[in-house]
Amino acid sequence: MPRPRKCRRVCCLPVCSRFGPMDVMTDSAHYIQMTVDEYETIRLIDLEGLMQEECSQRMNVARTTVQAIYNAARRKLAASLVQGKILYIEGGEYKICEGQLHGKGCGKENCCKQVSDR
């Protein structure tokens, strides 16, 4: 029996949740869904420059889990860019951090406060 899946901790939801070509009308076959936890790995590793180990600590999962999530997210980004598909960011198993991460906060001053105000 597989282990139950842990909720992944994310700092905040994306400001924009839809990306794609503006000059082409597409049908539902041309959509890619990226989960919020996949988005968070891209944000932490590529934007903030964290190593996978640091990312795993922030998200409260194993490093191997982060590696798998990150690889899936990169494949989806590449497919969206190369094939001109619309990328939606939604869903997944996650919880928004409450601004506390190992007693230091989440690393973003007002990020989590903005999410709770929505």
Protein backbone atom coordinates (compact mmCIF):
# COMPACT_ATOMS: atom_id res chain seq x y z
CA MET A 1 0.00 0.00 0.00
CA PRO A 2 1.51 3.38 -0.99
CA ARG A 3 2.22 6.03 1.59
CA PRO A 4 -0.32 8.83 1.88
CA ARG A 5 0.72 11.94 -0.02
CA LYS A 6 1.92 14.87 2.11
CA CYS A 7 0.48 18.29 1.52
CA ARG A 8 3.13 20.51 0.01
CA ARG A 9 3.67 23.89 1.65
CA VAL A 10 3.58 26.87 -0.70
CA CYS A 11 4.23 30.50 0.13
CA CYS A 12 1.49 32.01 -1.99
CA LEU A 13 -0.70 31.43 -5.01
CA PRO A 14 0.43 32.80 -8.37
CA VAL A 15 -0.71 36.32 -9.23
CA CYS A 16 -1.56 35.14 -12.76
CA SER A 17 -2.80 31.62 -13.34
CA ARG A 18 -3.07 31.52 -17.14
CA PHE A 19 -0.29 31.93 -19.69
CA GLY A 20 -0.07 31.24 -23.39
CA PRO A 21 -0.14 32.50 -26.93
CA MET A 22 -2.19 35.63 -27.45
CA ASP A 23 -2.43 35.41 -31.23
CA VAL A 24 -4.00 31.96 -31.60
CA MET A 25 -7.41 30.61 -30.65
CA THR A 26 -7.03 27.17 -29.08
CA ASP A 27 -9.40 24.44 -28.05
CA SER A 28 -9.31 22.43 -24.83
CA ALA A 29 -6.81 19.96 -26.36
CA HIS A 30 -4.24 22.76 -26.32
CA TYR A 31 -4.21 23.31 -22.56
CA ILE A 32 -1.66 22.19 -20.01
CA GLN A 33 -2.39 22.19 -16.28
CA MET A 34 0.46 22.91 -13.88
CA THR A 35 -0.32 22.36 -10.21
CA VAL A 36 0.35 25.01 -7.59
CA ASP A 37 3.10 22.89 -6.01
CA GLU A 38 4.81 22.57 -9.41
CA TYR A 39 4.63 26.34 -9.76
CA GLU A 40 6.17 26.70 -6.29
CA THR A 41 9.19 24.56 -7.20
CA ILE A 42 9.81 26.70 -10.29
CA ARG A 43 9.52 29.84 -8.17
CA LEU A 44 11.84 28.61 -5.44
CA ILE A 45 14.50 26.94 -7.59
CA ASP A 46 14.59 29.08 -10.73
CA LEU A 47 13.49 32.49 -9.44
CA GLU A 48 14.84 32.50 -5.89
CA GLY A 49 17.85 30.35 -6.76
CA LEU A 50 17.40 27.79 -3.99
CA MET A 51 18.94 24.34 -4.18
CA GLN A 52 16.57 21.36 -4.22
CA GLU A 53 17.40 20.58 -0.58
CA GLU A 54 16.43 24.10 0.52
CA CYS A 55 13.30 23.95 -1.61
CA SER A 56 12.31 20.65 -0.01
CA GLN A 57 12.67 22.16 3.46
CA ARG A 58 10.49 25.12 2.52
CA MET A 59 7.84 22.87 1.00
CA ASN A 60 8.04 20.28 3.80
CA VAL A 61 8.68 17.31 1.49
CA ALA A 62 11.63 15.08 0.61
CA ARG A 63 14.29 16.28 -1.82
CA THR A 64 13.46 13.44 -4.21
CA THR A 65 9.84 14.61 -4.20
CA VAL A 66 10.94 18.14 -5.09
CA GLN A 67 13.07 16.76 -7.90
CA ALA A 68 10.10 14.86 -9.36
CA ILE A 69 7.77 17.86 -9.01
CA TYR A 70 10.37 20.18 -10.58
CA ASN A 71 11.01 17.86 -13.54
CA ALA A 72 7.27 17.60 -14.25
CA ALA A 73 6.91 21.40 -14.06
CA ARG A 74 9.81 21.95 -16.47
CA ARG A 75 8.31 19.52 -19.00
CA LYS A 76 4.99 21.39 -18.83
CA LEU A 77 6.69 24.78 -19.27
CA ALA A 78 8.63 23.48 -22.26
CA ALA A 79 5.50 22.00 -23.88
CA SER A 80 3.65 25.28 -23.39
CA LEU A 81 6.45 27.33 -24.96
CA VAL A 82 7.39 25.01 -27.81
CA GLN A 83 3.93 23.76 -28.76
CA GLY A 84 2.08 27.04 -28.12
CA LYS A 85 -0.25 25.57 -25.53
CA ILE A 86 -2.06 27.57 -22.85
CA LEU A 87 -0.69 26.91 -19.37
CA TYR A 88 -3.09 26.97 -16.41
CA ILE A 89 -1.81 26.91 -12.84
CA GLU A 90 -4.37 25.34 -10.54
CA GLY A 91 -5.00 22.37 -8.27
CA GLY A 92 -2.65 19.99 -6.55
CA GLU A 93 -2.22 18.99 -2.94
CA TYR A 94 -0.86 21.98 -1.10
CA LYS A 95 -1.41 24.29 1.82
CA ILE A 96 -0.55 27.96 2.04
CA CYS A 97 2.04 28.66 4.72
CA GLU A 98 0.93 30.94 7.50
CA GLY A 99 3.98 33.17 7.20
CA GLN A 100 6.03 30.93 9.49
CA LEU A 101 8.69 28.65 8.16
CA HIS A 102 11.05 27.20 10.75
CA GLY A 103 10.50 30.37 12.79
CA LYS A 104 11.86 32.60 10.00
CA GLY A 105 8.79 33.39 7.95
CA CYS A 106 8.24 32.23 4.41
CA GLY A 107 10.86 34.45 2.80
CA LYS A 108 8.37 36.89 1.31
CA GLU A 109 7.41 39.83 3.51
CA ASN A 110 3.76 40.27 2.53
CA CYS A 111 3.21 37.30 0.22
CA CYS A 112 1.12 35.16 2.55
CA LYS A 113 -0.81 38.14 3.89
CA GLN A 114 -1.88 39.05 0.37
CA VAL A 115 -3.21 35.54 -0.24
CA SER A 116 -5.31 35.57 2.93
CA ASP A 117 -6.80 38.94 1.89
CA ARG A 118 -8.14 37.54 -1.41
